C-alpha atoms as a PDB file:
ATOM      1  CA  MET A   1      -6.953   1.244  66.973  1.00  0.00           C
ATOM      2  CA  MET A   2     -10.719   1.093  66.471  1.00  0.00           C
ATOM      3  CA  GLN A   3     -12.269   2.573  63.357  1.00  0.00           C
ATOM      4  CA  PHE A   4     -15.264   2.234  61.053  1.00  0.00           C
ATOM      5  CA  ALA A   5     -14.739   1.011  57.521  1.00  0.00           C
ATOM      6  CA  CYS A   6     -17.904   2.790  56.248  1.00  0.00           C
ATOM      7  CA  PRO A   7     -18.525   5.775  58.557  1.00  0.00           C
ATOM      8  CA  LEU A   8     -20.923   7.376  56.060  1.00  0.00           C
ATOM      9  CA  ALA A   9     -23.429   4.689  56.980  1.00  0.00           C
ATOM     10  CA  PHE A  10     -24.196   6.630  60.181  1.00  0.00           C
ATOM     11  CA  ALA A  11     -25.948   9.261  58.070  1.00  0.00           C
ATOM     12  CA  ALA A  12     -28.819   6.775  57.827  1.00  0.00           C
ATOM     13  CA  LEU A  13     -29.462   7.254  61.559  1.00  0.00           C
ATOM     14  CA  LEU A  14     -31.260  10.520  60.724  1.00  0.00           C
ATOM     15  CA  LEU A  15     -33.572   8.880  58.202  1.00  0.00           C
ATOM     16  CA  PRO A  16     -36.356   7.857  60.678  1.00  0.00           C
ATOM     17  CA  LEU A  17     -36.443  11.361  62.194  1.00  0.00           C
ATOM     18  CA  ILE A  18     -36.572  12.967  58.750  1.00  0.00           C
ATOM     19  CA  VAL A  19     -39.434  10.689  57.746  1.00  0.00           C
ATOM     20  CA  TRP A  20     -41.269  11.366  61.039  1.00  0.00           C
ATOM     21  CA  TYR A  21     -41.196  15.147  60.647  1.00  0.00           C
ATOM     22  CA  ALA A  22     -41.262  15.475  56.859  1.00  0.00           C
ATOM     23  CA  VAL A  23     -43.921  12.952  55.864  1.00  0.00           C
ATOM     24  CA  PRO A  24     -47.472  13.995  56.893  1.00  0.00           C
ATOM     25  CA  ALA A  25     -49.529  11.571  58.915  1.00  0.00           C
ATOM     26  CA  ALA A  26     -52.159   9.560  57.053  1.00  0.00           C
ATOM     27  CA  LYS A  27     -55.756  10.745  57.429  1.00  0.00           C
ATOM     28  CA  GLY A  28     -59.038   8.946  57.429  1.00  0.00           C
ATOM     29  CA  LEU A  29     -57.664   5.608  58.586  1.00  0.00           C
ATOM     30  CA  HIS A  30     -59.699   5.445  61.800  1.00  0.00           C
ATOM     31  CA  GLY A  31     -63.132   6.436  60.517  1.00  0.00           C
ATOM     32  CA  ASP A  32     -65.455   8.452  62.759  1.00  0.00           C
ATOM     33  CA  ALA A  33     -64.285   9.327  66.251  1.00  0.00           C
ATOM     34  CA  LEU A  34     -65.666  11.085  69.309  1.00  0.00           C
ATOM     35  CA  ARG A  35     -63.830  14.298  69.982  1.00  0.00           C
ATOM     36  CA  VAL A  36     -62.661  14.621  73.603  1.00  0.00           C
ATOM     37  CA  PRO A  37     -61.494  18.229  74.042  1.00  0.00           C
ATOM     38  CA  PHE A  38     -59.830  17.598  77.431  1.00  0.00           C
ATOM     39  CA  LEU A  39     -57.708  14.606  76.298  1.00  0.00           C
ATOM     40  CA  ARG A  40     -54.553  16.699  75.914  1.00  0.00           C
ATOM     41  CA  ASP A  41     -54.910  18.110  79.443  1.00  0.00           C
ATOM     42  CA  LEU A  42     -55.577  14.624  80.809  1.00  0.00           C
ATOM     43  CA  ALA A  43     -52.433  13.322  79.155  1.00  0.00           C
ATOM     44  CA  LYS A  44     -50.383  16.133  80.666  1.00  0.00           C
ATOM     45  CA  ILE A  45     -51.713  15.347  84.154  1.00  0.00           C
ATOM     46  CA  ASN A  46     -50.942  11.643  83.693  1.00  0.00           C
ATOM     47  CA  LEU A  47     -47.420  12.333  82.489  1.00  0.00           C
ATOM     48  CA  LYS A  48     -46.613  14.711  85.318  1.00  0.00           C
ATOM     49  CA  SER A  49     -48.022  12.397  87.970  1.00  0.00           C
ATOM     50  CA  GLY A  50     -45.553   9.583  87.612  1.00  0.00           C
ATOM     51  CA  SER A  51     -44.765   8.813  84.002  1.00  0.00           C
ATOM     52  CA  ILE A  52     -41.121   8.421  83.090  1.00  0.00           C
ATOM     53  CA  TRP A  53     -41.793  10.945  80.332  1.00  0.00           C
ATOM     54  CA  GLY A  54     -42.712  13.716  82.764  1.00  0.00           C
ATOM     55  CA  GLY A  55     -42.493  17.154  81.204  1.00  0.00           C
ATOM     56  CA  LEU A  56     -43.050  15.963  77.605  1.00  0.00           C
ATOM     57  CA  SER A  57     -46.094  16.660  75.523  1.00  0.00           C
ATOM     58  CA  ALA A  58     -48.507  13.920  74.546  1.00  0.00           C
ATOM     59  CA  ASP A  59     -47.326  14.088  70.929  1.00  0.00           C
ATOM     60  CA  ASN A  60     -43.709  13.772  71.990  1.00  0.00           C
ATOM     61  CA  ALA A  61     -44.632  10.933  74.328  1.00  0.00           C
ATOM     62  CA  LYS A  62     -45.806   9.008  71.271  1.00  0.00           C
ATOM     63  CA  LEU A  63     -42.533   9.718  69.553  1.00  0.00           C
ATOM     64  CA  PHE A  64     -40.397   8.789  72.558  1.00  0.00           C
ATOM     65  CA  SER A  65     -42.326   5.808  73.861  1.00  0.00           C
ATOM     66  CA  PRO A  66     -40.154   2.955  75.212  1.00  0.00           C
ATOM     67  CA  VAL A  67     -41.148   0.634  72.361  1.00  0.00           C
ATOM     68  CA  ARG A  68     -40.325   3.235  69.720  1.00  0.00           C
ATOM     69  CA  LEU A  69     -36.994   3.920  71.384  1.00  0.00           C
ATOM     70  CA  ALA A  70     -36.213   0.197  71.440  1.00  0.00           C
ATOM     71  CA  VAL A  71     -37.040  -0.104  67.744  1.00  0.00           C
ATOM     72  CA  TYR A  72     -34.893   2.930  66.969  1.00  0.00           C
ATOM     73  CA  LEU A  73     -32.061   1.394  69.022  1.00  0.00           C
ATOM     74  CA  ILE A  74     -32.337  -1.792  66.959  1.00  0.00           C
ATOM     75  CA  TYR A  75     -32.155   0.329  63.822  1.00  0.00           C
ATOM     76  CA  ALA A  76     -29.092   2.174  65.183  1.00  0.00           C
ATOM     77  CA  LEU A  77     -27.359  -1.106  65.988  1.00  0.00           C
ATOM     78  CA  VAL A  78     -27.990  -2.391  62.470  1.00  0.00           C
ATOM     79  CA  ILE A  79     -26.558   0.830  61.010  1.00  0.00           C
ATOM     80  CA  THR A  80     -23.527   0.461  63.293  1.00  0.00           C
ATOM     81  CA  ALA A  81     -23.006  -3.060  61.948  1.00  0.00           C
ATOM     82  CA  LEU A  82     -23.242  -1.719  58.399  1.00  0.00           C
ATOM     83  CA  ALA A  83     -20.550   0.852  59.274  1.00  0.00           C
ATOM     84  CA  ARG A  84     -18.291  -2.151  60.030  1.00  0.00           C
ATOM     85  CA  PRO A  85     -16.482  -1.404  63.279  1.00  0.00           C
ATOM     86  CA  GLN A  86     -13.016  -2.904  63.126  1.00  0.00           C
ATOM     87  CA  TRP A  87      -9.739  -3.013  64.997  1.00  0.00           C
ATOM     88  CA  VAL A  88      -6.657  -2.151  62.935  1.00  0.00           C
ATOM     89  CA  GLY A  89      -3.247  -3.295  64.188  1.00  0.00           C
ATOM     90  CA  GLU A  90       0.135  -1.651  63.812  1.00  0.00           C
ATOM     91  CA  PRO A  91       1.734  -1.634  60.317  1.00  0.00           C
ATOM     92  CA  VAL A  92       3.945  -4.670  59.685  1.00  0.00           C
ATOM     93  CA  ARG A  93       6.729  -4.605  57.081  1.00  0.00           C
ATOM     94  CA  VAL A  94       6.453  -7.263  54.366  1.00  0.00           C
ATOM     95  CA  HIS A  95       9.420  -7.917  52.092  1.00  0.00           C
ATOM     96  CA  ASN A  96       8.699  -8.293  48.400  1.00  0.00           C
ATOM     97  CA  PHE A  97      10.711 -10.374  45.985  1.00  0.00           C
ATOM     98  CA  SER A  98      11.191  -9.454  42.356  1.00  0.00           C
ATOM     99  CA  ARG A  99      12.870 -12.365  40.562  1.00  0.00           C
ATOM    100  CA  ASP A 100      13.428 -16.098  40.483  1.00  0.00           C
ATOM    101  CA  ILE A 101      17.091 -16.717  39.638  1.00  0.00           C
ATOM    102  CA  LEU A 102      18.389 -20.202  38.884  1.00  0.00           C
ATOM    103  CA  LEU A 103      22.155 -20.695  38.833  1.00  0.00           C
ATOM    104  CA  VAL A 104      23.086 -23.476  36.391  1.00  0.00           C
ATOM    105  CA  MET A 105      26.716 -24.492  36.983  1.00  0.00           C
ATOM    106  CA  ASP A 106      29.062 -26.821  35.187  1.00  0.00           C
ATOM    107  CA  ILE A 107      30.888 -29.151  37.609  1.00  0.00           C
ATOM    108  CA  SER A 108      32.498 -31.438  35.072  1.00  0.00           C
ATOM    109  CA  THR A 109      36.113 -32.485  35.693  1.00  0.00           C
ATOM    110  CA  SER A 110      37.440 -29.666  33.519  1.00  0.00           C
ATOM    111  CA  MET A 111      36.370 -27.209  36.238  1.00  0.00           C
ATOM    112  CA  GLU A 112      39.403 -28.478  38.216  1.00  0.00           C
ATOM    113  CA  GLU A 113      41.715 -26.503  35.923  1.00  0.00           C
ATOM    114  CA  PRO A 114      43.778 -24.219  38.237  1.00  0.00           C
ATOM    115  CA  ASP A 115      43.869 -21.169  35.989  1.00  0.00           C
ATOM    116  CA  PHE A 116      42.152 -18.742  38.407  1.00  0.00           C
ATOM    117  CA  THR A 117      43.554 -17.031  41.511  1.00  0.00           C
ATOM    118  CA  LEU A 118      42.247 -16.065  44.945  1.00  0.00           C
ATOM    119  CA  ASN A 119      44.320 -13.815  47.198  1.00  0.00           C
ATOM    120  CA  GLY A 120      47.248 -14.223  44.843  1.00  0.00           C
ATOM    121  CA  ARG A 121      47.209 -18.028  44.959  1.00  0.00           C
ATOM    122  CA  PRO A 122      46.283 -20.312  42.027  1.00  0.00           C
ATOM    123  CA  VAL A 123      42.932 -22.045  42.492  1.00  0.00           C
ATOM    124  CA  SER A 124      40.631 -24.119  40.344  1.00  0.00           C
ATOM    125  CA  ARG A 125      37.912 -22.564  38.244  1.00  0.00           C
ATOM    126  CA  LEU A 126      35.307 -24.125  40.514  1.00  0.00           C
ATOM    127  CA  SER A 127      36.841 -22.614  43.671  1.00  0.00           C
ATOM    128  CA  ALA A 128      36.725 -19.149  42.127  1.00  0.00           C
ATOM    129  CA  VAL A 129      33.156 -19.711  40.963  1.00  0.00           C
ATOM    130  CA  LYS A 130      32.083 -20.721  44.483  1.00  0.00           C
ATOM    131  CA  LYS A 131      33.414 -17.525  45.994  1.00  0.00           C
ATOM    132  CA  VAL A 132      32.134 -15.123  43.354  1.00  0.00           C
ATOM    133  CA  ALA A 133      28.723 -16.794  43.020  1.00  0.00           C
ATOM    134  CA  GLY A 134      28.318 -16.796  46.799  1.00  0.00           C
ATOM    135  CA  GLU A 135      28.924 -13.049  46.884  1.00  0.00           C
ATOM    136  CA  PHE A 136      26.392 -12.603  44.079  1.00  0.00           C
ATOM    137  CA  ILE A 137      23.749 -14.516  46.037  1.00  0.00           C
ATOM    138  CA  ASP A 138      24.265 -12.247  49.064  1.00  0.00           C
ATOM    139  CA  LYS A 139      23.505  -9.174  46.954  1.00  0.00           C
ATOM    140  CA  ARG A 140      20.208 -10.364  45.551  1.00  0.00           C
ATOM    141  CA  GLY A 141      17.953  -8.841  48.207  1.00  0.00           C
ATOM    142  CA  GLU A 142      14.579 -10.594  48.337  1.00  0.00           C
ATOM    143  CA  ASP A 143      15.009 -12.571  45.103  1.00  0.00           C
ATOM    144  CA  ARG A 144      14.559 -16.314  45.253  1.00  0.00           C
ATOM    145  CA  ILE A 145      17.573 -18.399  44.282  1.00  0.00           C
ATOM    146  CA  GLY A 146      17.951 -21.975  43.057  1.00  0.00           C
ATOM    147  CA  LEU A 147      20.881 -24.156  41.948  1.00  0.00           C
ATOM    148  CA  VAL A 148      21.280 -26.742  39.177  1.00  0.00           C
ATOM    149  CA  LEU A 149      24.584 -28.615  38.868  1.00  0.00           C
ATOM    150  CA  PHE A 150      25.500 -30.570  35.769  1.00  0.00           C
ATOM    151  CA  GLY A 151      28.157 -32.695  34.127  1.00  0.00           C
ATOM    152  CA  THR A 152      27.164 -35.851  32.314  1.00  0.00           C
ATOM    153  CA  ARG A 153      23.810 -35.494  34.053  1.00  0.00           C
ATOM    154  CA  ALA A 154      21.978 -32.525  35.509  1.00  0.00           C
ATOM    155  CA  TYR A 155      20.705 -32.337  39.081  1.00  0.00           C
ATOM    156  CA  LEU A 156      18.453 -29.852  40.828  1.00  0.00           C
ATOM    157  CA  GLN A 157      20.479 -29.350  43.992  1.00  0.00           C
ATOM    158  CA  ALA A 158      18.485 -26.430  45.424  1.00  0.00           C
ATOM    159  CA  PRO A 159      14.930 -25.652  44.289  1.00  0.00           C
ATOM    160  CA  ILE A 160      13.943 -21.977  44.097  1.00  0.00           C
ATOM    161  CA  THR A 161      13.944 -20.660  47.667  1.00  0.00           C
ATOM    162  CA  PHE A 162      14.343 -17.618  49.903  1.00  0.00           C
ATOM    163  CA  ASP A 163      16.840 -19.569  52.017  1.00  0.00           C
ATOM    164  CA  LYS A 164      20.032 -18.188  50.526  1.00  0.00           C
ATOM    165  CA  ALA A 165      22.141 -19.648  53.323  1.00  0.00           C
ATOM    166  CA  ALA A 166      21.042 -23.155  52.332  1.00  0.00           C
ATOM    167  CA  VAL A 167      21.799 -22.490  48.656  1.00  0.00           C
ATOM    168  CA  LYS A 168      25.272 -21.194  49.516  1.00  0.00           C
ATOM    169  CA  GLN A 169      25.954 -24.226  51.693  1.00  0.00           C
ATOM    170  CA  ILE A 170      25.186 -26.521  48.750  1.00  0.00           C
ATOM    171  CA  LEU A 171      27.203 -24.271  46.448  1.00  0.00           C
ATOM    172  CA  TYR A 172      30.305 -24.455  48.645  1.00  0.00           C
ATOM    173  CA  ALA A 173      29.996 -28.239  48.995  1.00  0.00           C
ATOM    174  CA  MET A 174      29.959 -29.036  45.261  1.00  0.00           C
ATOM    175  CA  GLN A 175      32.969 -30.825  43.781  1.00  0.00           C
ATOM    176  CA  ALA A 176      34.180 -31.143  40.217  1.00  0.00           C
ATOM    177  CA  GLY A 177      33.353 -34.487  38.633  1.00  0.00           C
ATOM    178  CA  MET A 178      30.539 -35.389  41.042  1.00  0.00           C
ATOM    179  CA  ALA A 179      28.006 -35.202  38.162  1.00  0.00           C
ATOM    180  CA  GLY A 180      30.248 -36.868  35.560  1.00  0.00           C
ATOM    181  CA  ASN A 181      33.036 -35.881  33.189  1.00  0.00           C
ATOM    182  CA  SER A 182      31.125 -34.611  30.153  1.00  0.00           C
ATOM    183  CA  THR A 183      28.962 -31.516  29.680  1.00  0.00           C
ATOM    184  CA  ALA A 184      25.189 -31.820  29.182  1.00  0.00           C
ATOM    185  CA  ILE A 185      24.255 -28.154  28.865  1.00  0.00           C
ATOM    186  CA  GLY A 186      20.953 -28.868  27.098  1.00  0.00           C
ATOM    187  CA  ASP A 187      19.774 -31.235  29.840  1.00  0.00           C
ATOM    188  CA  ALA A 188      20.765 -28.723  32.509  1.00  0.00           C
ATOM    189  CA  LEU A 189      18.779 -25.932  30.846  1.00  0.00           C
ATOM    190  CA  GLY A 190      15.772 -28.216  30.402  1.00  0.00           C
ATOM    191  CA  LEU A 191      15.835 -29.143  34.087  1.00  0.00           C
ATOM    192  CA  ALA A 192      16.248 -25.500  35.081  1.00  0.00           C
ATOM    193  CA  LEU A 193      13.269 -24.431  32.969  1.00  0.00           C
ATOM    194  CA  LYS A 194      11.096 -27.136  34.492  1.00  0.00           C
ATOM    195  CA  SER A 195      12.102 -26.013  37.977  1.00  0.00           C
ATOM    196  CA  LEU A 196      11.238 -22.387  37.202  1.00  0.00           C
ATOM    197  CA  LYS A 197       7.894 -23.429  35.771  1.00  0.00           C
ATOM    198  CA  ASP A 198       7.052 -25.303  38.964  1.00  0.00           C
ATOM    199  CA  SER A 199       8.183 -22.467  41.226  1.00  0.00           C
ATOM    200  CA  GLY A 200       5.261 -20.122  40.563  1.00  0.00           C
ATOM    201  CA  ASN A 201       4.070 -17.440  38.200  1.00  0.00           C
ATOM    202  CA  LEU A 202       6.629 -14.689  38.584  1.00  0.00           C
ATOM    203  CA  ASP A 203       6.978 -12.370  35.615  1.00  0.00           C
ATOM    204  CA  LYS A 204      10.778 -12.255  35.880  1.00  0.00           C
ATOM    205  CA  LYS A 205      12.566 -15.590  35.730  1.00  0.00           C
ATOM    206  CA  ILE A 206      16.276 -15.734  35.018  1.00  0.00           C
ATOM    207  CA  ILE A 207      18.831 -18.463  34.376  1.00  0.00           C
ATOM    208  CA  ILE A 208      22.558 -17.817  34.765  1.00  0.00           C
ATOM    209  CA  LEU A 209      24.418 -20.561  32.925  1.00  0.00           C
ATOM    210  CA  LEU A 210      28.124 -21.018  33.676  1.00  0.00           C
ATOM    211  CA  THR A 211      30.300 -23.525  31.839  1.00  0.00           C
ATOM    212  CA  ASP A 212      33.855 -23.993  30.573  1.00  0.00           C
ATOM    213  CA  GLY A 213      32.992 -26.368  27.746  1.00  0.00           C
ATOM    214  CA  GLU A 214      30.512 -27.258  25.050  1.00  0.00           C
ATOM    215  CA  ASN A 215      27.371 -29.348  24.912  1.00  0.00           C
ATOM    216  CA  ASN A 216      28.676 -32.880  24.313  1.00  0.00           C
ATOM    217  CA  ASP A 217      26.214 -35.102  26.179  1.00  0.00           C
ATOM    218  CA  GLY A 218      22.570 -35.449  27.154  1.00  0.00           C
ATOM    219  CA  SER A 219      19.289 -35.819  25.296  1.00  0.00           C
ATOM    220  CA  VAL A 220      18.257 -32.142  25.008  1.00  0.00           C
ATOM    221  CA  THR A 221      19.899 -30.097  22.280  1.00  0.00           C
ATOM    222  CA  LEU A 222      20.689 -26.416  22.690  1.00  0.00           C
ATOM    223  CA  PRO A 223      18.087 -25.322  20.081  1.00  0.00           C
ATOM    224  CA  GLN A 224      15.444 -27.333  21.933  1.00  0.00           C
ATOM    225  CA  ALA A 225      16.407 -25.736  25.251  1.00  0.00           C
ATOM    226  CA  VAL A 226      16.365 -22.252  23.722  1.00  0.00           C
ATOM    227  CA  LYS A 227      12.914 -22.851  22.238  1.00  0.00           C
ATOM    228  CA  LEU A 228      11.568 -23.914  25.637  1.00  0.00           C
ATOM    229  CA  ALA A 229      13.112 -20.848  27.268  1.00  0.00           C
ATOM    230  CA  LYS A 230      11.564 -18.491  24.732  1.00  0.00           C
ATOM    231  CA  GLU A 231       8.142 -20.076  25.178  1.00  0.00           C
ATOM    232  CA  ALA A 232       8.425 -19.685  28.957  1.00  0.00           C
ATOM    233  CA  GLY A 233       9.720 -16.106  28.730  1.00  0.00           C
ATOM    234  CA  VAL A 234      12.894 -16.975  30.628  1.00  0.00           C
ATOM    235  CA  LYS A 235      15.986 -14.834  30.090  1.00  0.00           C
ATOM    236  CA  ILE A 236      19.299 -16.710  30.044  1.00  0.00           C
ATOM    237  CA  TYR A 237      22.643 -15.107  30.842  1.00  0.00           C
ATOM    238  CA  THR A 238      25.574 -17.256  29.745  1.00  0.00           C
ATOM    239  CA  ILE A 239      29.119 -17.210  31.150  1.00  0.00           C
ATOM    240  CA  GLY A 240      32.058 -18.935  29.530  1.00  0.00           C
ATOM    241  CA  VAL A 241      34.896 -19.475  32.016  1.00  0.00           C
ATOM    242  CA  GLY A 242      38.533 -20.493  31.529  1.00  0.00           C
ATOM    243  CA  GLY A 243      40.854 -20.415  28.568  1.00  0.00           C
ATOM    244  CA  ASP A 244      40.339 -21.589  25.028  1.00  0.00           C
ATOM    245  CA  GLY A 245      41.598 -25.095  25.721  1.00  0.00           C
ATOM    246  CA  SER A 246      44.428 -26.709  27.659  1.00  0.00           C
ATOM    247  CA  ASP A 247      45.679 -29.771  29.480  1.00  0.00           C
ATOM    248  CA  PHE A 248      45.377 -30.259  33.212  1.00  0.00           C
ATOM    249  CA  ALA A 249      46.442 -32.891  35.715  1.00  0.00           C
ATOM    250  CA  SER A 250      43.716 -35.119  37.081  1.00  0.00           C
ATOM    251  CA  PHE A 251      43.589 -36.624  40.565  1.00  0.00           C
ATOM    252  CA  PHE A 252      45.546 -39.620  39.264  1.00  0.00           C
ATOM    253  CA  GLY A 253      48.346 -37.487  37.818  1.00  0.00           C
ATOM    254  CA  LEU A 254      47.285 -38.030  34.198  1.00  0.00           C
ATOM    255  CA  ARG A 255      47.218 -35.161  31.703  1.00  0.00           C
ATOM    256  CA  MET A 256      43.730 -34.672  30.289  1.00  0.00           C
ATOM    257  CA  GLY A 257      42.728 -32.517  27.331  1.00  0.00           C
ATOM    258  CA  VAL A 258      40.203 -29.791  27.993  1.00  0.00           C
ATOM    259  CA  GLY A 259      38.139 -28.425  25.140  1.00  0.00           C
ATOM    260  CA  GLY A 260      37.501 -24.710  24.939  1.00  0.00           C
ATOM    261  CA  VAL A 261      34.314 -22.807  25.607  1.00  0.00           C
ATOM    262  CA  ASP A 262      31.644 -22.979  22.909  1.00  0.00           C
ATOM    263  CA  GLU A 263      31.365 -19.203  22.677  1.00  0.00           C
ATOM    264  CA  ALA A 264      29.214 -19.285  19.556  1.00  0.00           C
ATOM    265  CA  GLY A 265      26.685 -21.591  21.202  1.00  0.00           C
ATOM    266  CA  LEU A 266      26.581 -19.614  24.468  1.00  0.00           C
ATOM    267  CA  ARG A 267      26.262 -16.335  22.598  1.00  0.00           C
ATOM    268  CA  GLN A 268      23.371 -17.768  20.568  1.00  0.00           C
ATOM    269  CA  ILE A 269      21.561 -18.939  23.706  1.00  0.00           C
ATOM    270  CA  ALA A 270      21.852 -15.505  25.286  1.00  0.00           C
ATOM    271  CA  ARG A 271      20.839 -13.626  22.156  1.00  0.00           C
ATOM    272  CA  ASP A 272      17.754 -15.774  21.465  1.00  0.00           C
ATOM    273  CA  THR A 273      16.475 -15.401  25.055  1.00  0.00           C
ATOM    274  CA  GLU A 274      17.239 -11.659  25.349  1.00  0.00           C
ATOM    275  CA  GLY A 275      20.100 -12.315  27.750  1.00  0.00           C
ATOM    276  CA  THR A 276      23.799 -11.495  27.510  1.00  0.00           C
ATOM    277  CA  TYR A 277      26.920 -13.593  26.943  1.00  0.00           C
ATOM    278  CA  PHE A 278      29.993 -12.952  29.127  1.00  0.00           C
ATOM    279  CA  ARG A 279      33.531 -14.284  28.957  1.00  0.00           C
ATOM    280  CA  ALA A 280      35.564 -14.751  32.146  1.00  0.00           C
ATOM    281  CA  LYS A 281      39.175 -15.940  31.857  1.00  0.00           C
ATOM    282  CA  ASN A 282      40.224 -15.073  35.404  1.00  0.00           C
ATOM    283  CA  THR A 283      38.792 -14.270  38.832  1.00  0.00           C
ATOM    284  CA  ALA A 284      38.708 -10.505  38.280  1.00  0.00           C
ATOM    285  CA  SER A 285      36.760 -10.824  35.039  1.00  0.00           C
ATOM    286  CA  LEU A 286      34.395 -13.334  36.664  1.00  0.00           C
ATOM    287  CA  GLN A 287      33.647 -10.835  39.443  1.00  0.00           C
ATOM    288  CA  LYS A 288      32.951  -8.169  36.835  1.00  0.00           C
ATOM    289  CA  VAL A 289      30.583 -10.546  35.047  1.00  0.00           C
ATOM    290  CA  TYR A 290      28.444 -11.175  38.119  1.00  0.00           C
ATOM    291  CA  ALA A 291      28.549  -7.451  38.965  1.00  0.00           C
ATOM    292  CA  ALA A 292      27.299  -6.660  35.458  1.00  0.00           C
ATOM    293  CA  ILE A 293      24.455  -9.162  35.780  1.00  0.00           C
ATOM    294  CA  ASP A 294      23.582  -7.666  39.162  1.00  0.00           C
ATOM    295  CA  GLU A 295      23.274  -4.252  37.492  1.00  0.00           C
ATOM    296  CA  LEU A 296      21.334  -5.589  34.508  1.00  0.00           C
ATOM    297  CA  GLU A 297      18.840  -7.264  36.844  1.00  0.00           C
ATOM    298  CA  PRO A 298      18.424  -4.853  39.784  1.00  0.00           C
ATOM    299  CA  THR A 299      16.191  -5.996  42.607  1.00  0.00           C
ATOM    300  CA  GLU A 300      14.045  -2.820  42.504  1.00  0.00           C
ATOM    301  CA  ASN A 301      11.722  -4.211  45.135  1.00  0.00           C
ATOM    302  CA  GLU A 302      10.177  -1.951  47.767  1.00  0.00           C
ATOM    303  CA  ASP A 303       8.911  -3.200  51.071  1.00  0.00           C
ATOM    304  CA  THR A 304       5.197  -2.894  51.644  1.00  0.00           C
ATOM    305  CA  PHE A 305       3.308  -2.569  54.904  1.00  0.00           C
ATOM    306  CA  VAL A 306       0.231  -4.498  55.929  1.00  0.00           C
ATOM    307  CA  GLN A 307      -2.057  -4.097  58.919  1.00  0.00           C
ATOM    308  CA  GLU A 308      -4.071  -6.747  60.684  1.00  0.00           C
ATOM    309  CA  VAL A 309      -7.787  -5.968  60.546  1.00  0.00           C
ATOM    310  CA  ARG A 310     -10.366  -7.600  62.830  1.00  0.00           C
ATOM    311  CA  GLU A 311     -14.026  -7.099  62.039  1.00  0.00           C
ATOM    312  CA  PHE A 312     -16.511  -6.522  64.887  1.00  0.00           C
ATOM    313  CA  TYR A 313     -19.712  -5.852  62.923  1.00  0.00           C
ATOM    314  CA  TYR A 314     -21.249  -8.982  64.409  1.00  0.00           C
ATOM    315  CA  ILE A 315     -21.368  -7.479  67.922  1.00  0.00           C
ATOM    316  CA  PRO A 316     -23.930  -4.699  67.198  1.00  0.00           C
ATOM    317  CA  LEU A 317     -25.727  -7.060  64.827  1.00  0.00           C
ATOM    318  CA  LEU A 318     -26.130  -9.715  67.525  1.00  0.00           C
ATOM    319  CA  ALA A 319     -27.230  -7.024  70.000  1.00  0.00           C
ATOM    320  CA  ALA A 320     -29.902  -5.858  67.536  1.00  0.00           C
ATOM    321  CA  LEU A 321     -31.155  -9.414  67.055  1.00  0.00           C
ATOM    322  CA  ALA A 322     -31.268 -10.007  70.823  1.00  0.00           C
ATOM    323  CA  LEU A 323     -33.220  -6.798  71.441  1.00  0.00           C
ATOM    324  CA  ALA A 324     -35.636  -7.604  68.634  1.00  0.00           C
ATOM    325  CA  ALA A 325     -36.228 -11.070  70.085  1.00  0.00           C
ATOM    326  CA  PHE A 326     -36.848  -9.516  73.508  1.00  0.00           C
ATOM    327  CA  LEU A 327     -39.491  -7.160  72.065  1.00  0.00           C
ATOM    328  CA  VAL A 328     -41.211 -10.051  70.309  1.00  0.00           C
ATOM    329  CA  LEU A 329     -41.386 -11.978  73.586  1.00  0.00           C
ATOM    330  CA  LEU A 330     -42.835  -8.952  75.389  1.00  0.00           C
ATOM    331  CA  LYS A 331     -45.442  -8.543  72.652  1.00  0.00           C
ATOM    332  CA  ARG A 332     -46.519 -12.172  72.903  1.00  0.00           C
ATOM    333  CA  ARG A 333     -46.703 -11.937  76.679  1.00  0.00           C
ATOM    334  CA  ALA A 334     -48.843  -8.792  76.476  1.00  0.00           C
ATOM    335  CA  ASP A 335     -51.188 -10.458  73.980  1.00  0.00           C
ATOM    336  CA  ASN A 336     -51.682 -13.410  76.332  1.00  0.00           C
ATOM    337  CA  VAL A 337     -52.633 -11.261  79.296  1.00  0.00           C
END
């Protein structure tokens, strides 16, 4: 659809006519002159006998001479360029995103503990986390999602992205123990904060920390991680999964002691960063936790519409320049004759 961005500019087209009729002609510029009383009649005869302005008065012939009309056309073209003719395309829907959410998940060997259930069958904590977290990712609309996995060391497995399918694929492929046996929560939070900082300048950045243990490894302490989060304005939700402590069978059939969740530490992290601490001892409670976080952090993003706009002001402007150049050439040619 064609339109003009500044249609009021066309009001300037009347300016030359207003000046012509409203401003009186200057007097005394030509000095003495010989009065020829029959000049008006002579002009009428000349106009009627073959002039393209036949039927017009001599005064109007001055106003509507070809040169004056060409100059006025140049002026009109310049005004048209100032009005900015443009083509506007059809509205196109653009999806907005409201948050960067980084899932920070404990994959230490203790996450193998089979104290959760799926479809009535016992499963490991990690298996339940995969399913519930995957469902959470699907509900997050146009938010960007990332994934940090940690054990003895922390790894950024999926940088912040819109590609939720890729994040879920990495999520489903993770295995307990692949990052080590201990729990470096501080390092994981530090890595997550760095990733969020590098992802852009969104106002709402969130970390969801899930672990079944306590910070017992790594170089970054929990107070240090909390301080960095507060400085960056990042809210941290913490989730403690599993029981208070138990034994479980490893791959080699050995019984291994599992320490309980550091609820005090996780609660402190959440409180200091304006987040919330949750406790999940089974699959049902874990689902409620992610549902609660989903409600606490609604997407609230509305799609916007944009339209492609192509400017065509240069067409009348180039036409005005070409016509002006043509008049200059005619003037030079007439002067040389």
